[in-house]
């Protein structure tokens, strides 16, 4: 099911805040960058937000900002989860990954049932790829293998995972700190995922 979106104008009216407040909170990292969704409309480019998440976050900010500084709020909303350890069942209970994808991941990765942050990212990305319907289970082994073989590279700030297809052959690439790329005309970009955006999405689930 697609997440319900709310336009910037409607959000400002609903929350009773100004444009300046909204973007100040964004600069202070109180509102994640990936919640600002640019979409084309008949009037041009407009900004939308995931409605439930943004309304809940603004309510928290407004409730707590009298007692906490914006920096303190930013620290609270961006918890350090680098030492996080969860088991497989807990990840499924938190709806971070489905049971079927978790079982598939464990079968391929052959690790234990305890998940550190890097493994949570791997299974989360696999979930997004397979649930999108753009690739099948057999093809899903490829991005997982690429992530497993490049764990240190994934720590970089800007890493995008690309799935391409040419003449029915699927390939997977990691783009690290790359601003652009170009394929030959016979290659189709199936999907592209920002691992940094995935990490931010994971963090938001623990706020």
Protein backbone atom coordinates (compact mmCIF):
# COMPACT_ATOMS: atom_id res chain seq x y z
CA UNK A 1 0.00 0.00 0.00
CA UNK A 2 1.36 3.44 -0.95
CA UNK A 3 2.00 5.80 1.94
CA UNK A 4 -0.37 8.77 2.13
CA UNK A 5 1.35 12.07 1.28
CA UNK A 6 0.56 15.62 2.33
CA UNK A 7 1.59 18.74 0.42
CA UNK A 8 3.81 21.36 2.02
CA UNK A 9 1.01 23.95 1.95
CA UNK A 10 -1.48 21.61 3.59
CA UNK A 11 1.10 20.59 6.18
CA UNK A 12 1.86 24.18 7.15
CA UNK A 13 -1.88 24.87 7.51
CA UNK A 14 -2.52 21.67 9.49
CA UNK A 15 0.41 22.12 11.87
CA UNK A 16 0.08 25.89 12.22
CA UNK A 17 3.76 26.48 11.47
CA UNK A 18 5.61 28.71 9.04
CA UNK A 19 7.77 27.86 6.04
CA UNK A 20 10.76 29.20 7.98
CA UNK A 21 10.12 26.94 10.99
CA UNK A 22 9.81 23.87 8.79
CA UNK A 23 13.12 24.47 7.03
CA UNK A 24 14.89 25.48 10.22
CA UNK A 25 13.92 22.10 11.67
CA UNK A 26 15.18 20.46 8.51
CA UNK A 27 18.55 22.24 8.79
CA UNK A 28 18.78 21.11 12.42
CA UNK A 29 18.14 17.49 11.32
CA UNK A 30 14.86 17.30 13.23
CA UNK A 31 13.15 16.25 9.99
CA UNK A 32 14.96 13.78 7.70
CA UNK A 33 15.97 14.95 4.25
CA UNK A 34 14.28 11.99 2.56
CA UNK A 35 10.87 13.05 3.95
CA UNK A 36 10.97 16.05 1.55
CA UNK A 37 9.57 14.45 -1.60
CA UNK A 38 9.61 16.47 -4.83
CA UNK A 39 6.81 15.59 -7.25
CA UNK A 40 5.57 17.04 -10.51
CA UNK A 41 2.06 18.54 -10.43
CA UNK A 42 0.03 20.55 -12.92
CA UNK A 43 1.43 23.72 -11.30
CA UNK A 44 5.05 22.52 -11.47
CA UNK A 45 7.34 20.92 -8.88
CA UNK A 46 5.88 20.73 -5.37
CA UNK A 47 7.11 19.26 -2.09
CA UNK A 48 5.19 16.51 -0.31
CA UNK A 49 5.75 14.56 2.90
CA UNK A 50 4.77 11.14 4.29
CA UNK A 51 1.72 12.40 6.20
CA UNK A 52 1.69 10.17 9.26
CA UNK A 53 5.43 10.44 9.91
CA UNK A 54 5.70 14.22 9.45
CA UNK A 55 2.60 15.01 11.53
CA UNK A 56 3.81 12.78 14.38
CA UNK A 57 7.29 14.33 14.24
CA UNK A 58 5.99 17.92 14.27
CA UNK A 59 3.69 17.11 17.19
CA UNK A 60 6.69 15.76 19.13
CA UNK A 61 8.79 18.83 18.30
CA UNK A 62 6.06 21.24 19.36
CA UNK A 63 5.43 19.31 22.58
CA UNK A 64 9.07 19.05 23.61
CA UNK A 65 10.72 22.23 22.31
CA UNK A 66 9.72 24.21 25.41
CA UNK A 67 11.94 22.00 27.56
CA UNK A 68 14.67 20.96 25.10
CA UNK A 69 16.86 22.93 22.70
CA UNK A 70 16.73 22.15 18.99
CA UNK A 71 20.18 20.55 19.25
CA UNK A 72 18.96 18.31 22.07
CA UNK A 73 15.90 17.38 20.04
CA UNK A 74 18.08 16.59 17.02
CA UNK A 75 20.19 14.24 19.15
CA UNK A 76 17.06 12.54 20.41
CA UNK A 77 15.58 12.12 16.92
CA UNK A 78 18.88 10.85 15.46
CA UNK A 79 19.88 8.16 17.93
CA UNK A 80 23.26 6.52 17.70
CA UNK A 81 22.30 3.02 16.66
CA UNK A 82 25.75 1.89 15.58
CA UNK A 83 25.86 -0.52 18.54
CA UNK A 84 22.36 -1.80 17.93
CA UNK A 85 21.86 -5.56 18.26
CA UNK A 86 18.52 -7.17 17.46
CA UNK A 87 17.54 -10.73 16.73
CA UNK A 88 15.78 -11.85 13.56
CA UNK A 89 12.37 -12.22 15.21
CA UNK A 90 12.51 -8.67 16.60
CA UNK A 91 13.24 -7.24 13.14
CA UNK A 92 10.21 -9.07 11.80
CA UNK A 93 8.03 -7.87 14.71
CA UNK A 94 9.10 -4.27 14.07
CA UNK A 95 8.08 -4.64 10.38
CA UNK A 96 11.61 -3.82 9.26
CA UNK A 97 11.66 -7.02 7.22
CA UNK A 98 9.09 -9.68 6.36
CA UNK A 99 9.47 -13.25 7.57
CA UNK A 100 9.88 -14.64 4.04
CA UNK A 101 12.70 -12.19 3.15
CA UNK A 102 14.38 -12.77 6.52
CA UNK A 103 14.38 -16.55 5.89
CA UNK A 104 15.78 -15.98 2.39
CA UNK A 105 18.52 -13.68 3.74
CA UNK A 106 19.58 -16.14 6.44
CA UNK A 107 19.66 -18.99 3.94
CA UNK A 108 22.00 -17.03 1.65
CA UNK A 109 24.12 -15.21 4.24
CA UNK A 110 24.42 -18.16 6.62
CA UNK A 111 24.99 -15.94 9.66
CA UNK A 112 23.52 -16.21 13.13
CA UNK A 113 20.18 -14.81 14.30
CA UNK A 114 21.66 -11.67 15.90
CA UNK A 115 21.81 -8.57 13.72
CA UNK A 116 24.20 -5.63 13.98
CA UNK A 117 23.49 -2.43 12.04
CA UNK A 118 25.37 -3.48 8.85
CA UNK A 119 23.36 -6.73 8.65
CA UNK A 120 20.12 -4.85 9.35
CA UNK A 121 20.93 -2.59 6.39
CA UNK A 122 21.61 -5.60 4.14
CA UNK A 123 18.34 -7.36 4.92
CA UNK A 124 16.41 -4.06 4.76
CA UNK A 125 17.75 -3.26 1.27
CA UNK A 126 16.97 -6.81 0.16
CA UNK A 127 13.42 -6.37 1.47
CA UNK A 128 12.92 -3.16 -0.52
CA UNK A 129 14.29 -4.68 -3.72
CA UNK A 130 12.25 -7.86 -3.59
CA UNK A 131 9.02 -6.24 -2.40
CA UNK A 132 9.23 -3.74 -5.28
CA UNK A 133 8.66 -6.62 -7.71
CA UNK A 134 11.47 -5.35 -9.94
CA UNK A 135 13.62 -8.42 -9.30
CA UNK A 136 12.91 -12.03 -8.37
CA UNK A 137 14.40 -14.19 -5.60
CA UNK A 138 17.13 -15.62 -7.81
CA UNK A 139 18.17 -12.13 -8.89
CA UNK A 140 18.02 -11.03 -5.24
CA UNK A 141 21.10 -13.14 -4.52
CA UNK A 142 23.16 -10.73 -6.62
CA UNK A 143 22.72 -7.44 -4.68
CA UNK A 144 23.06 -9.34 -1.42
CA UNK A 145 26.38 -10.80 -2.56
CA UNK A 146 27.57 -7.36 -3.69
CA UNK A 147 26.73 -5.88 -0.28
CA UNK A 148 28.38 -8.74 1.60
CA UNK A 149 31.58 -8.43 -0.44
CA UNK A 150 31.77 -4.64 -0.03
CA UNK A 151 30.91 -4.08 3.64
CA UNK A 152 33.68 -1.51 4.14
CA UNK A 153 32.74 0.47 1.03
CA UNK A 154 29.13 0.71 2.17
CA UNK A 155 30.29 2.83 5.14
CA UNK A 156 30.90 5.72 2.71
CA UNK A 157 28.48 8.67 2.83
CA UNK A 158 27.15 8.29 -0.71
CA UNK A 159 26.60 4.74 -1.94
CA UNK A 160 23.91 3.81 -4.44
CA UNK A 161 23.03 0.26 -5.44
CA UNK A 162 21.90 -0.14 -9.05
CA UNK A 163 20.18 -3.05 -10.76
CA UNK A 164 20.49 -3.07 -14.55
CA UNK A 165 19.26 -5.43 -17.24
CA UNK A 166 20.49 -6.00 -20.79
CA UNK A 167 19.35 -8.74 -23.16
CA UNK A 168 17.64 -10.44 -20.23
CA UNK A 169 20.83 -10.47 -18.14
CA UNK A 170 20.64 -8.76 -14.74
CA UNK A 171 23.64 -7.04 -13.19
CA UNK A 172 24.22 -5.24 -9.90
CA UNK A 173 26.57 -2.30 -9.28
CA UNK A 174 27.61 -0.18 -6.31
CA UNK A 175 28.24 3.50 -7.11
CA UNK A 176 30.41 5.13 -4.44
CA UNK A 177 30.59 8.94 -4.19
CA UNK A 178 29.53 9.19 -7.83
CA UNK A 179 27.57 12.18 -9.12
CA UNK A 180 26.46 10.65 -12.41
CA UNK A 181 26.70 7.68 -14.73
CA UNK A 182 25.83 6.68 -18.27
CA UNK A 183 24.90 3.30 -19.74
CA UNK A 184 24.79 2.20 -23.36
CA UNK A 185 21.40 2.42 -25.04
CA UNK A 186 20.74 -1.31 -24.68
CA UNK A 187 21.02 -1.28 -20.90
CA UNK A 188 17.91 -0.64 -18.80
CA UNK A 189 18.16 0.74 -15.27
CA UNK A 190 15.75 -1.48 -13.32
CA UNK A 191 16.06 0.25 -9.96
CA UNK A 192 18.41 2.42 -7.91
CA UNK A 193 18.56 2.56 -4.11
CA UNK A 194 20.47 5.01 -1.93
CA UNK A 195 21.98 3.07 0.97
CA UNK A 196 22.27 6.29 2.96
CA UNK A 197 18.53 6.91 2.55
CA UNK A 198 17.87 3.32 3.64
CA UNK A 199 20.00 3.87 6.74
CA UNK A 200 18.02 7.02 7.59
CA UNK A 201 14.78 5.08 7.11
CA UNK A 202 16.02 2.39 9.49
CA UNK A 203 17.00 5.01 12.07
CA UNK A 204 13.56 6.61 11.86
CA UNK A 205 12.01 3.31 12.90
CA UNK A 206 13.81 3.49 16.24
CA UNK A 207 12.72 7.04 17.10
